Every structure is written in structure tokens, then in C-alpha cells.
């Protein structure tokens, strides 16, 4: 049995003829200029990969610069057969400015970057200072041998190796999959 079609009212807007809008050609360019100005106003070079809190066309995104979203570099966590491995990309940071601590089964990685630049010329004087720091903490999984944790730093890459205990390595059991 077929249902009867329901008719809905359709509203149409009447637009002014094209000849009436010839004086409003500046509008799109003005909007583009405001968007470009906003992009430069929101640019923060030392916010490790944080996007702007605004999106294009004036829609707001959630604020990412709050306490709930700490600024930190990219880190990879990998479980291998005998160990866990944490790799962090820390460009421009020296190994002496990286601090790794273990307390109450929590591994904390801290880093700090300071940069100062000063130029004195005949016609001008330039002085710039930049500072940034981060902190990441990881709860260690069971079976990590805390006495054998090792960290190395090469070409801006920090690698922290967390070896598994012998008991943790033996605890893994492979389960065979049978066809039904």
C-alpha cells in the first residue's frame, strides 16, 4: 500500500538583480584580509604543533592551550619482545636540558629549550629570547625492570628503553587459532 505524499511549503528568497550588487565587490576581499590577519595573530612558533583555536570562516574550536592539553613534543611508545621503548623527537634541545626521573613507578621526561639572539649593527640593535619547556609522565606497566632502564640521545631523538623482567617475558603465551 503506497503512502500519500505530503507537500511541504518551499520558501524562496528574492535576490536583487546583478546590476544592483556591482558596488559590493570589495566584500570578499575584505573577508579574506580579515582571515589572513587572524591567521598571523594566532601564529605561535613555539607551540609544539598546536593548531589555532579558530577555524576558517569564524567557527570556534575547543581551546587547546588549557591545562588539559599540555604542550609536548611527539612521542612514540612501542612494546617489543624484550622491552618497551619510548622515542621522543626533541629538535633544538641539548641532552643536558633533558631530565628523566622514575618515582613511584612513574617515568617522567622533562625538557627545556632556551634560545637567545643578539645582533648589534651600526643602524640597528636586535635582541630575541625564546623559551619552551615540556613534561610527560608515563605509568610503567607491570614487569619492567626499573634498575635497567636506559636512555640515549642522538641527533635530537631521545630513546628510553624499559627492559622487561624475565618473568614478564615468560608470562606471554601464544594461543593457536583453529578453523571451525
C-alpha atoms as a PDB file:
ATOM      1  CA  UNK A   1       0.000   0.000   0.000  1.00  0.00           C
ATOM      2  CA  UNK A   2       1.511   3.320  -1.072  1.00  0.00           C
ATOM      3  CA  UNK A   3       1.585   6.233   1.345  1.00  0.00           C
ATOM      4  CA  UNK A   4       0.234   9.597   0.300  1.00  0.00           C
ATOM      5  CA  UNK A   5       2.894  12.200  -0.421  1.00  0.00           C
ATOM      6  CA  UNK A   6       2.946  15.200   1.872  1.00  0.00           C
ATOM      7  CA  UNK A   7       3.546  18.578   0.330  1.00  0.00           C
ATOM      8  CA  UNK A   8       5.834  20.940   2.226  1.00  0.00           C
ATOM      9  CA  UNK A   9       5.953  24.685   1.656  1.00  0.00           C
ATOM     10  CA  UNK A  10       9.070  25.922  -0.100  1.00  0.00           C
ATOM     11  CA  UNK A  11      10.379  29.358   0.699  1.00  0.00           C
ATOM     12  CA  UNK A  12      12.291  31.241  -1.936  1.00  0.00           C
ATOM     13  CA  UNK A  13      14.334  34.354  -1.397  1.00  0.00           C
ATOM     14  CA  UNK A  14      14.182  37.140  -3.881  1.00  0.00           C
ATOM     15  CA  UNK A  15      17.608  38.489  -4.740  1.00  0.00           C
ATOM     16  CA  UNK A  16      18.452  41.851  -6.098  1.00  0.00           C
ATOM     17  CA  UNK A  17      19.411  41.996  -9.758  1.00  0.00           C
ATOM     18  CA  UNK A  18      23.138  41.621 -10.527  1.00  0.00           C
ATOM     19  CA  UNK A  19      23.378  45.249 -11.561  1.00  0.00           C
ATOM     20  CA  UNK A  20      22.483  46.350  -8.008  1.00  0.00           C
ATOM     21  CA  UNK A  21      25.489  44.482  -6.495  1.00  0.00           C
ATOM     22  CA  UNK A  22      28.272  45.981  -8.607  1.00  0.00           C
ATOM     23  CA  UNK A  23      29.340  48.344  -5.814  1.00  0.00           C
ATOM     24  CA  UNK A  24      29.854  45.454  -3.291  1.00  0.00           C
ATOM     25  CA  UNK A  25      32.887  43.841  -4.986  1.00  0.00           C
ATOM     26  CA  UNK A  26      35.135  44.724  -2.009  1.00  0.00           C
ATOM     27  CA  UNK A  27      33.300  42.392   0.450  1.00  0.00           C
ATOM     28  CA  UNK A  28      35.029  39.085  -0.423  1.00  0.00           C
ATOM     29  CA  UNK A  29      38.474  40.710  -0.407  1.00  0.00           C
ATOM     30  CA  UNK A  30      37.838  42.321   2.960  1.00  0.00           C
ATOM     31  CA  UNK A  31      36.785  38.947   4.391  1.00  0.00           C
ATOM     32  CA  UNK A  32      39.943  37.312   3.011  1.00  0.00           C
ATOM     33  CA  UNK A  33      42.118  40.057   4.529  1.00  0.00           C
ATOM     34  CA  UNK A  34      40.498  39.552   7.968  1.00  0.00           C
ATOM     35  CA  UNK A  35      41.123  35.777   7.783  1.00  0.00           C
ATOM     36  CA  UNK A  36      44.793  36.284   6.867  1.00  0.00           C
ATOM     37  CA  UNK A  37      45.227  38.810   9.685  1.00  0.00           C
ATOM     38  CA  UNK A  38      43.644  36.342  12.136  1.00  0.00           C
ATOM     39  CA  UNK A  39      45.994  33.548  10.985  1.00  0.00           C
ATOM     40  CA  UNK A  40      49.046  35.716  11.664  1.00  0.00           C
ATOM     41  CA  UNK A  41      47.635  36.866  15.017  1.00  0.00           C
ATOM     42  CA  UNK A  42      47.144  33.227  16.105  1.00  0.00           C
ATOM     43  CA  UNK A  43      50.578  32.024  14.944  1.00  0.00           C
ATOM     44  CA  UNK A  44      52.797  30.902  17.849  1.00  0.00           C
ATOM     45  CA  UNK A  45      56.041  29.291  16.572  1.00  0.00           C
ATOM     46  CA  UNK A  46      56.965  27.581  19.847  1.00  0.00           C
ATOM     47  CA  UNK A  47      53.628  25.846  20.474  1.00  0.00           C
ATOM     48  CA  UNK A  48      54.724  22.320  19.525  1.00  0.00           C
ATOM     49  CA  UNK A  49      52.228  21.511  16.741  1.00  0.00           C
ATOM     50  CA  UNK A  50      49.229  23.152  18.393  1.00  0.00           C
ATOM     51  CA  UNK A  51      46.653  24.344  15.896  1.00  0.00           C
ATOM     52  CA  UNK A  52      44.873  27.644  16.219  1.00  0.00           C
ATOM     53  CA  UNK A  53      41.810  27.780  18.435  1.00  0.00           C
ATOM     54  CA  UNK A  54      39.902  29.279  15.499  1.00  0.00           C
ATOM     55  CA  UNK A  55      38.966  27.568  12.292  1.00  0.00           C
ATOM     56  CA  UNK A  56      38.306  29.204   8.984  1.00  0.00           C
ATOM     57  CA  UNK A  57      35.095  31.144   8.461  1.00  0.00           C
ATOM     58  CA  UNK A  58      34.803  32.212  12.097  1.00  0.00           C
ATOM     59  CA  UNK A  59      33.791  28.909  13.721  1.00  0.00           C
ATOM     60  CA  UNK A  60      35.317  28.318  17.131  1.00  0.00           C
ATOM     61  CA  UNK A  61      37.248  25.156  18.025  1.00  0.00           C
ATOM     62  CA  UNK A  62      37.819  23.954  21.604  1.00  0.00           C
ATOM     63  CA  UNK A  63      40.628  25.834  23.329  1.00  0.00           C
ATOM     64  CA  UNK A  64      43.760  23.676  23.289  1.00  0.00           C
ATOM     65  CA  UNK A  65      46.003  25.906  25.372  1.00  0.00           C
ATOM     66  CA  UNK A  66      44.298  24.966  28.622  1.00  0.00           C
ATOM     67  CA  UNK A  67      45.748  22.854  31.417  1.00  0.00           C
ATOM     68  CA  UNK A  68      44.031  19.777  29.961  1.00  0.00           C
ATOM     69  CA  UNK A  69      46.174  19.961  26.802  1.00  0.00           C
ATOM     70  CA  UNK A  70      49.859  20.220  27.803  1.00  0.00           C
ATOM     71  CA  UNK A  71      52.314  21.325  25.152  1.00  0.00           C
ATOM     72  CA  UNK A  72      54.680  18.434  24.467  1.00  0.00           C
ATOM     73  CA  UNK A  73      56.682  17.027  21.561  1.00  0.00           C
ATOM     74  CA  UNK A  74      55.660  13.890  19.692  1.00  0.00           C
ATOM     75  CA  UNK A  75      56.459  10.623  21.495  1.00  0.00           C
ATOM     76  CA  UNK A  76      56.127   7.028  20.336  1.00  0.00           C
ATOM     77  CA  UNK A  77      55.605   4.085  22.700  1.00  0.00           C
ATOM     78  CA  UNK A  78      56.405   0.601  21.354  1.00  0.00           C
ATOM     79  CA  UNK A  79      56.265  -2.813  23.022  1.00  0.00           C
ATOM     80  CA  UNK A  80      58.927  -5.201  21.775  1.00  0.00           C
ATOM     81  CA  UNK A  81      59.619  -8.815  22.755  1.00  0.00           C
ATOM     82  CA  UNK A  82      62.140  -7.974  25.495  1.00  0.00           C
ATOM     83  CA  UNK A  83      61.442  -4.335  26.259  1.00  0.00           C
ATOM     84  CA  UNK A  84      59.262  -1.267  25.933  1.00  0.00           C
ATOM     85  CA  UNK A  85      60.711   1.699  24.050  1.00  0.00           C
ATOM     86  CA  UNK A  86      59.802   5.384  24.247  1.00  0.00           C
ATOM     87  CA  UNK A  87      61.087   7.614  21.452  1.00  0.00           C
ATOM     88  CA  UNK A  88      60.742  11.410  21.574  1.00  0.00           C
ATOM     89  CA  UNK A  89      61.591  13.975  18.924  1.00  0.00           C
ATOM     90  CA  UNK A  90      63.313  16.906  20.645  1.00  0.00           C
ATOM     91  CA  UNK A  91      64.722  19.174  17.919  1.00  0.00           C
ATOM     92  CA  UNK A  92      66.906  22.005  19.150  1.00  0.00           C
ATOM     93  CA  UNK A  93      67.165  20.651  22.708  1.00  0.00           C
ATOM     94  CA  UNK A  94      70.535  19.564  24.136  1.00  0.00           C
ATOM     95  CA  UNK A  95      70.834  16.354  26.165  1.00  0.00           C
ATOM     96  CA  UNK A  96      71.925  18.393  29.196  1.00  0.00           C
ATOM     97  CA  UNK A  97      68.475  20.046  29.141  1.00  0.00           C
ATOM     98  CA  UNK A  98      66.603  16.718  29.276  1.00  0.00           C
ATOM     99  CA  UNK A  99      65.756  15.224  32.671  1.00  0.00           C
ATOM    100  CA  UNK A 100      64.370  11.692  33.157  1.00  0.00           C
ATOM    101  CA  UNK A 101      63.200  10.510  36.581  1.00  0.00           C
ATOM    102  CA  UNK A 102      61.466   7.432  37.978  1.00  0.00           C
ATOM    103  CA  UNK A 103      59.373   7.713  41.150  1.00  0.00           C
ATOM    104  CA  UNK A 104      56.511   5.507  42.398  1.00  0.00           C
ATOM    105  CA  UNK A 105      56.523   3.505  39.155  1.00  0.00           C
ATOM    106  CA  UNK A 106      56.003   6.700  37.073  1.00  0.00           C
ATOM    107  CA  UNK A 107      58.606   7.705  34.479  1.00  0.00           C
ATOM    108  CA  UNK A 108      58.765  11.478  33.916  1.00  0.00           C
ATOM    109  CA  UNK A 109      60.552  13.090  30.973  1.00  0.00           C
ATOM    110  CA  UNK A 110      61.179  16.853  31.165  1.00  0.00           C
ATOM    111  CA  UNK A 111      62.882  19.125  28.683  1.00  0.00           C
ATOM    112  CA  UNK A 112      63.668  22.779  28.276  1.00  0.00           C
ATOM    113  CA  UNK A 113      64.779  24.918  25.354  1.00  0.00           C
ATOM    114  CA  UNK A 114      66.274  28.367  25.731  1.00  0.00           C
ATOM    115  CA  UNK A 115      67.437  30.490  22.849  1.00  0.00           C
ATOM    116  CA  UNK A 116      68.857  33.984  22.867  1.00  0.00           C
ATOM    117  CA  UNK A 117      69.906  36.005  19.872  1.00  0.00           C
ATOM    118  CA  UNK A 118      71.527  39.403  19.874  1.00  0.00           C
ATOM    119  CA  UNK A 119      72.750  41.453  16.920  1.00  0.00           C
ATOM    120  CA  UNK A 120      74.367  44.863  17.139  1.00  0.00           C
ATOM    121  CA  UNK A 121      74.934  46.722  13.912  1.00  0.00           C
ATOM    122  CA  UNK A 122      75.516  50.317  13.027  1.00  0.00           C
ATOM    123  CA  UNK A 123      71.868  51.005  12.136  1.00  0.00           C
ATOM    124  CA  UNK A 124      70.004  48.673  14.466  1.00  0.00           C
ATOM    125  CA  UNK A 125      70.013  46.506  17.584  1.00  0.00           C
ATOM    126  CA  UNK A 126      68.138  43.164  17.678  1.00  0.00           C
ATOM    127  CA  UNK A 127      67.546  41.096  20.808  1.00  0.00           C
ATOM    128  CA  UNK A 128      65.332  37.982  20.869  1.00  0.00           C
ATOM    129  CA  UNK A 129      64.681  35.449  23.615  1.00  0.00           C
ATOM    130  CA  UNK A 130      62.693  32.247  23.265  1.00  0.00           C
ATOM    131  CA  UNK A 131      61.827  29.704  25.908  1.00  0.00           C
ATOM    132  CA  UNK A 132      59.836  26.498  25.942  1.00  0.00           C
ATOM    133  CA  UNK A 133      59.520  23.508  28.245  1.00  0.00           C
ATOM    134  CA  UNK A 134      57.562  20.278  28.377  1.00  0.00           C
ATOM    135  CA  UNK A 135      56.873  17.399  30.747  1.00  0.00           C
ATOM    136  CA  UNK A 136      55.397  13.957  30.028  1.00  0.00           C
ATOM    137  CA  UNK A 137      54.759  11.197  32.580  1.00  0.00           C
ATOM    138  CA  UNK A 138      54.134   7.505  31.944  1.00  0.00           C
ATOM    139  CA  UNK A 139      52.839   4.873  34.364  1.00  0.00           C
ATOM    140  CA  UNK A 140      55.152   1.888  33.932  1.00  0.00           C
ATOM    141  CA  UNK A 141      53.442  -1.401  33.103  1.00  0.00           C
ATOM    142  CA  UNK A 142      53.974  -4.417  35.340  1.00  0.00           C
ATOM    143  CA  UNK A 143      57.059  -6.452  34.527  1.00  0.00           C
ATOM    144  CA  UNK A 144      59.506  -3.595  33.827  1.00  0.00           C
ATOM    145  CA  UNK A 145      62.951  -3.967  35.398  1.00  0.00           C
ATOM    146  CA  UNK A 146      63.319  -0.446  36.836  1.00  0.00           C
ATOM    147  CA  UNK A 147      67.037  -0.944  37.634  1.00  0.00           C
ATOM    148  CA  UNK A 148      67.925  -1.482  33.966  1.00  0.00           C
ATOM    149  CA  UNK A 149      66.129   1.468  32.354  1.00  0.00           C
ATOM    150  CA  UNK A 150      68.461   3.110  29.822  1.00  0.00           C
ATOM    151  CA  UNK A 151      68.215   6.414  27.938  1.00  0.00           C
ATOM    152  CA  UNK A 152      70.195   7.700  24.951  1.00  0.00           C
ATOM    153  CA  UNK A 153      70.086  10.956  22.989  1.00  0.00           C
ATOM    154  CA  UNK A 154      71.279  11.197  19.371  1.00  0.00           C
ATOM    155  CA  UNK A 155      70.643  13.980  16.823  1.00  0.00           C
ATOM    156  CA  UNK A 156      67.573  15.347  18.615  1.00  0.00           C
ATOM    157  CA  UNK A 157      65.996  11.913  19.229  1.00  0.00           C
ATOM    158  CA  UNK A 158      65.612  10.652  22.800  1.00  0.00           C
ATOM    159  CA  UNK A 159      65.257   6.873  23.206  1.00  0.00           C
ATOM    160  CA  UNK A 160      64.319   5.359  26.570  1.00  0.00           C
ATOM    161  CA  UNK A 161      64.485   1.566  26.828  1.00  0.00           C
ATOM    162  CA  UNK A 162      62.480  -0.157  29.552  1.00  0.00           C
ATOM    163  CA  UNK A 163      63.564  -3.826  29.671  1.00  0.00           C
ATOM    164  CA  UNK A 164      61.024  -6.453  30.719  1.00  0.00           C
ATOM    165  CA  UNK A 165      61.793  -8.801  33.601  1.00  0.00           C
ATOM    166  CA  UNK A 166      62.388 -12.486  32.824  1.00  0.00           C
ATOM    167  CA  UNK A 167      59.049 -13.351  34.454  1.00  0.00           C
ATOM    168  CA  UNK A 168      57.212 -10.836  32.267  1.00  0.00           C
ATOM    169  CA  UNK A 169      58.814 -12.241  29.124  1.00  0.00           C
ATOM    170  CA  UNK A 170      57.818 -15.809  30.047  1.00  0.00           C
ATOM    171  CA  UNK A 171      54.255 -14.819  31.028  1.00  0.00           C
ATOM    172  CA  UNK A 172      53.258 -14.372  27.398  1.00  0.00           C
ATOM    173  CA  UNK A 173      51.540 -17.378  25.852  1.00  0.00           C
ATOM    174  CA  UNK A 174      50.605 -17.860  22.213  1.00  0.00           C
ATOM    175  CA  UNK A 175      47.098 -19.162  21.604  1.00  0.00           C
ATOM    176  CA  UNK A 176      46.528 -21.248  18.473  1.00  0.00           C
ATOM    177  CA  UNK A 177      43.562 -20.334  16.271  1.00  0.00           C
ATOM    178  CA  UNK A 178      41.622 -23.313  14.910  1.00  0.00           C
ATOM    179  CA  UNK A 179      39.320 -23.314  11.926  1.00  0.00           C
ATOM    180  CA  UNK A 180      35.699 -24.038  12.827  1.00  0.00           C
END
